[in-house]
N, C-alpha and C. Protein backbone atom coordinates (compact mmCIF):
# COMPACT_ATOMS: atom_id res chain seq x y z
N MET A 1 -41.50 112.63 202.23
CA MET A 1 -41.63 112.22 200.84
C MET A 1 -40.71 111.01 200.63
N ASN A 2 -41.24 109.97 200.00
CA ASN A 2 -40.41 108.78 199.79
C ASN A 2 -39.51 108.95 198.57
N ARG A 3 -38.58 108.05 198.42
CA ARG A 3 -37.56 108.15 197.37
C ARG A 3 -38.18 108.11 195.97
N TYR A 4 -39.18 107.25 195.77
CA TYR A 4 -39.84 107.15 194.47
C TYR A 4 -40.47 108.48 194.08
N THR A 5 -41.19 109.10 194.99
CA THR A 5 -41.84 110.38 194.72
C THR A 5 -40.80 111.45 194.41
N GLU A 6 -39.71 111.45 195.14
CA GLU A 6 -38.63 112.40 194.89
C GLU A 6 -38.07 112.22 193.48
N LEU A 7 -37.83 110.98 193.09
CA LEU A 7 -37.30 110.71 191.75
C LEU A 7 -38.27 111.15 190.66
N VAL A 8 -39.53 110.81 190.83
CA VAL A 8 -40.54 111.19 189.84
C VAL A 8 -40.60 112.71 189.72
N ASN A 9 -40.66 113.40 190.85
CA ASN A 9 -40.73 114.86 190.82
C ASN A 9 -39.49 115.48 190.17
N ALA A 10 -38.32 114.96 190.48
CA ALA A 10 -37.08 115.49 189.91
C ALA A 10 -37.05 115.26 188.40
N ARG A 11 -37.43 114.07 187.95
CA ARG A 11 -37.42 113.77 186.51
C ARG A 11 -38.45 114.61 185.77
N TYR A 12 -39.61 114.79 186.39
CA TYR A 12 -40.66 115.60 185.77
C TYR A 12 -40.20 117.05 185.63
N GLU A 13 -39.58 117.59 186.68
CA GLU A 13 -39.07 118.96 186.62
C GLU A 13 -37.98 119.10 185.56
N ASP A 14 -37.12 118.10 185.44
CA ASP A 14 -36.08 118.13 184.40
C ASP A 14 -36.72 118.22 183.02
N MET A 15 -37.78 117.45 182.81
CA MET A 15 -38.47 117.46 181.52
C MET A 15 -39.19 118.79 181.30
N MET A 16 -39.82 119.29 182.35
CA MET A 16 -40.59 120.52 182.23
C MET A 16 -39.72 121.75 181.94
N PHE A 17 -38.54 121.78 182.53
CA PHE A 17 -37.68 122.96 182.40
C PHE A 17 -36.50 122.74 181.45
N ALA A 18 -36.59 121.74 180.59
CA ALA A 18 -35.52 121.47 179.63
C ALA A 18 -35.33 122.67 178.71
N LYS A 19 -34.10 122.94 178.36
CA LYS A 19 -33.78 124.10 177.52
C LYS A 19 -33.60 123.73 176.05
N SER A 20 -33.65 122.45 175.75
CA SER A 20 -33.53 122.01 174.36
C SER A 20 -34.35 120.74 174.16
N ALA A 21 -34.60 120.42 172.91
CA ALA A 21 -35.36 119.22 172.59
C ALA A 21 -34.60 117.97 173.06
N GLU A 22 -33.31 117.98 172.90
CA GLU A 22 -32.50 116.83 173.32
C GLU A 22 -32.59 116.62 174.84
N GLU A 23 -32.48 117.72 175.59
CA GLU A 23 -32.61 117.65 177.05
C GLU A 23 -33.99 117.13 177.44
N ALA A 24 -35.02 117.60 176.77
CA ALA A 24 -36.39 117.18 177.08
C ALA A 24 -36.57 115.68 176.84
N ARG A 25 -36.04 115.19 175.73
CA ARG A 25 -36.16 113.76 175.42
C ARG A 25 -35.40 112.90 176.43
N LYS A 26 -34.21 113.34 176.80
CA LYS A 26 -33.43 112.58 177.79
C LYS A 26 -34.17 112.55 179.12
N ALA A 27 -34.71 113.68 179.53
CA ALA A 27 -35.46 113.74 180.78
C ALA A 27 -36.72 112.88 180.69
N ALA A 28 -37.37 112.88 179.54
CA ALA A 28 -38.57 112.06 179.34
C ALA A 28 -38.22 110.58 179.47
N HIS A 29 -37.12 110.16 178.86
CA HIS A 29 -36.68 108.76 178.98
C HIS A 29 -36.43 108.39 180.43
N ARG A 30 -35.77 109.29 181.17
CA ARG A 30 -35.48 109.01 182.58
C ARG A 30 -36.77 108.91 183.40
N LEU A 31 -37.72 109.80 183.14
CA LEU A 31 -38.99 109.77 183.86
C LEU A 31 -39.75 108.48 183.57
N VAL A 32 -39.83 108.12 182.30
CA VAL A 32 -40.53 106.90 181.91
C VAL A 32 -39.88 105.67 182.56
N ARG A 33 -38.56 105.65 182.60
CA ARG A 33 -37.85 104.52 183.20
C ARG A 33 -38.20 104.39 184.69
N VAL A 34 -38.31 105.53 185.39
CA VAL A 34 -38.66 105.49 186.81
C VAL A 34 -40.09 104.98 187.01
N VAL A 35 -41.01 105.47 186.19
CA VAL A 35 -42.42 105.14 186.39
C VAL A 35 -42.79 103.75 185.84
N LEU A 36 -42.32 103.43 184.65
CA LEU A 36 -42.72 102.17 184.01
C LEU A 36 -41.71 101.05 184.20
N GLY A 37 -40.51 101.37 184.62
CA GLY A 37 -39.49 100.35 184.76
C GLY A 37 -38.89 100.00 183.40
N GLU A 38 -38.33 98.84 183.31
CA GLU A 38 -37.65 98.42 182.08
C GLU A 38 -38.62 98.09 180.95
N ASN A 39 -39.89 97.92 181.24
CA ASN A 39 -40.89 97.58 180.21
C ASN A 39 -41.09 98.70 179.19
N TYR A 40 -40.68 99.90 179.52
CA TYR A 40 -40.92 101.02 178.62
C TYR A 40 -40.18 100.88 177.29
N GLN A 41 -39.12 100.12 177.25
CA GLN A 41 -38.32 100.01 176.04
C GLN A 41 -39.07 99.33 174.90
N ALA A 42 -40.16 98.64 175.23
CA ALA A 42 -40.94 97.95 174.20
C ALA A 42 -41.82 98.92 173.43
N ALA A 43 -42.01 100.11 173.94
CA ALA A 43 -42.91 101.08 173.31
C ALA A 43 -42.13 102.28 172.80
N SER A 44 -42.77 103.04 171.93
CA SER A 44 -42.16 104.30 171.49
C SER A 44 -42.18 105.27 172.66
N LEU A 45 -41.37 106.31 172.58
CA LEU A 45 -41.33 107.30 173.66
C LEU A 45 -42.70 107.94 173.83
N GLU A 46 -43.37 108.23 172.74
CA GLU A 46 -44.71 108.84 172.83
C GLU A 46 -45.68 107.93 173.58
N ASP A 47 -45.71 106.64 173.23
CA ASP A 47 -46.59 105.70 173.91
C ASP A 47 -46.21 105.55 175.38
N ALA A 48 -44.92 105.53 175.65
CA ALA A 48 -44.44 105.40 177.03
C ALA A 48 -44.83 106.63 177.85
N LEU A 49 -44.73 107.81 177.25
CA LEU A 49 -45.14 109.03 177.96
C LEU A 49 -46.64 109.03 178.21
N ARG A 50 -47.40 108.54 177.25
CA ARG A 50 -48.85 108.45 177.41
C ARG A 50 -49.19 107.54 178.61
N GLU A 51 -48.55 106.39 178.68
CA GLU A 51 -48.78 105.44 179.78
C GLU A 51 -48.32 106.03 181.11
N THR A 52 -47.19 106.73 181.09
CA THR A 52 -46.68 107.37 182.30
C THR A 52 -47.68 108.41 182.80
N CYS A 53 -48.23 109.18 181.90
CA CYS A 53 -49.21 110.19 182.27
C CYS A 53 -50.44 109.53 182.90
N ARG A 54 -50.88 108.41 182.34
CA ARG A 54 -52.05 107.70 182.89
C ARG A 54 -51.80 107.25 184.32
N LYS A 55 -50.55 106.90 184.62
CA LYS A 55 -50.21 106.46 185.97
C LYS A 55 -50.07 107.64 186.94
N LEU A 56 -49.46 108.72 186.45
CA LEU A 56 -49.20 109.86 187.33
C LEU A 56 -50.39 110.81 187.47
N ARG A 57 -51.17 110.92 186.42
CA ARG A 57 -52.27 111.91 186.43
C ARG A 57 -53.52 111.32 185.77
N PRO A 58 -54.12 110.33 186.42
CA PRO A 58 -55.33 109.73 185.84
C PRO A 58 -56.52 110.69 185.96
N SER A 59 -57.44 110.57 185.02
CA SER A 59 -58.64 111.40 185.04
C SER A 59 -59.85 110.52 184.71
N PRO A 60 -60.94 110.71 185.43
CA PRO A 60 -62.14 109.94 185.11
C PRO A 60 -62.81 110.40 183.81
N ASP A 61 -62.50 111.60 183.38
CA ASP A 61 -63.06 112.15 182.15
C ASP A 61 -62.12 111.84 180.98
N PRO A 62 -62.57 111.04 179.99
CA PRO A 62 -61.70 110.66 178.87
C PRO A 62 -61.17 111.85 178.08
N ARG A 63 -61.97 112.89 177.90
CA ARG A 63 -61.48 114.07 177.16
C ARG A 63 -60.39 114.79 177.93
N GLU A 64 -60.57 114.87 179.23
CA GLU A 64 -59.55 115.50 180.08
C GLU A 64 -58.27 114.67 180.07
N GLN A 65 -58.41 113.35 180.09
CA GLN A 65 -57.24 112.47 180.06
C GLN A 65 -56.46 112.67 178.77
N ILE A 66 -57.14 112.77 177.66
CA ILE A 66 -56.47 112.99 176.38
C ILE A 66 -55.71 114.31 176.41
N ARG A 67 -56.32 115.34 176.98
CA ARG A 67 -55.66 116.64 177.08
C ARG A 67 -54.41 116.54 177.95
N PHE A 68 -54.51 115.86 179.10
CA PHE A 68 -53.36 115.67 179.98
C PHE A 68 -52.23 114.97 179.24
N GLU A 69 -52.58 113.88 178.54
CA GLU A 69 -51.57 113.10 177.82
C GLU A 69 -50.90 113.92 176.73
N THR A 70 -51.68 114.68 176.00
CA THR A 70 -51.13 115.51 174.92
C THR A 70 -50.14 116.54 175.48
N GLU A 71 -50.51 117.20 176.56
CA GLU A 71 -49.62 118.18 177.17
C GLU A 71 -48.35 117.52 177.70
N PHE A 72 -48.51 116.35 178.27
CA PHE A 72 -47.37 115.61 178.82
C PHE A 72 -46.40 115.22 177.71
N ILE A 73 -46.93 114.74 176.61
CA ILE A 73 -46.11 114.34 175.47
C ILE A 73 -45.39 115.55 174.88
N GLU A 74 -46.06 116.68 174.80
CA GLU A 74 -45.43 117.89 174.26
C GLU A 74 -44.23 118.32 175.11
N LEU A 75 -44.29 118.08 176.42
CA LEU A 75 -43.14 118.41 177.27
C LEU A 75 -41.93 117.54 176.95
N GLY A 76 -42.18 116.28 176.67
CA GLY A 76 -41.08 115.34 176.47
C GLY A 76 -40.58 115.23 175.04
N ILE A 77 -41.44 115.56 174.09
CA ILE A 77 -41.05 115.42 172.68
C ILE A 77 -41.25 116.76 172.00
N TRP A 78 -40.21 117.52 171.96
CA TRP A 78 -40.26 118.79 171.24
C TRP A 78 -40.23 118.51 169.76
N PRO A 79 -40.66 119.46 168.95
CA PRO A 79 -40.54 119.25 167.50
C PRO A 79 -39.09 119.06 167.09
N VAL A 80 -38.88 118.11 166.23
CA VAL A 80 -37.55 117.86 165.68
C VAL A 80 -37.25 118.96 164.67
N PRO A 81 -36.05 119.53 164.65
CA PRO A 81 -35.74 120.63 163.74
C PRO A 81 -36.05 120.32 162.27
N ALA A 82 -35.92 119.08 161.86
CA ALA A 82 -36.18 118.72 160.47
C ALA A 82 -37.66 118.77 160.13
N GLN A 83 -38.49 118.74 161.16
CA GLN A 83 -39.94 118.79 160.93
C GLN A 83 -40.38 120.25 160.93
N THR A 84 -40.67 120.75 159.79
CA THR A 84 -41.13 122.13 159.70
C THR A 84 -42.51 122.15 159.06
N ILE A 85 -43.28 123.13 159.41
CA ILE A 85 -44.61 123.26 158.87
C ILE A 85 -44.55 124.21 157.67
N ALA A 86 -45.02 123.74 156.54
CA ALA A 86 -45.04 124.58 155.33
C ALA A 86 -46.15 125.61 155.47
N ALA A 87 -45.82 126.82 155.16
CA ALA A 87 -46.81 127.89 155.29
C ALA A 87 -47.62 128.02 154.03
């Protein structure tokens, strides 16, 4: 396994197994930086995660790709405590 693949896998696992929203966001930033390089700073974290997902897990089916991207974004951006859903 080459160094790039090791870094991507480690950053992805950090994001996947984060124990808090803050940890997840930090891991997401680190993963995006590895995959997209310094260009990621021009986009929001959500957009950067979407682009990262397209690079790491492309799908020929547009509906499947949207599902992949949504799941990927949910891993990196947990709900902010101030955002609550009114019942």
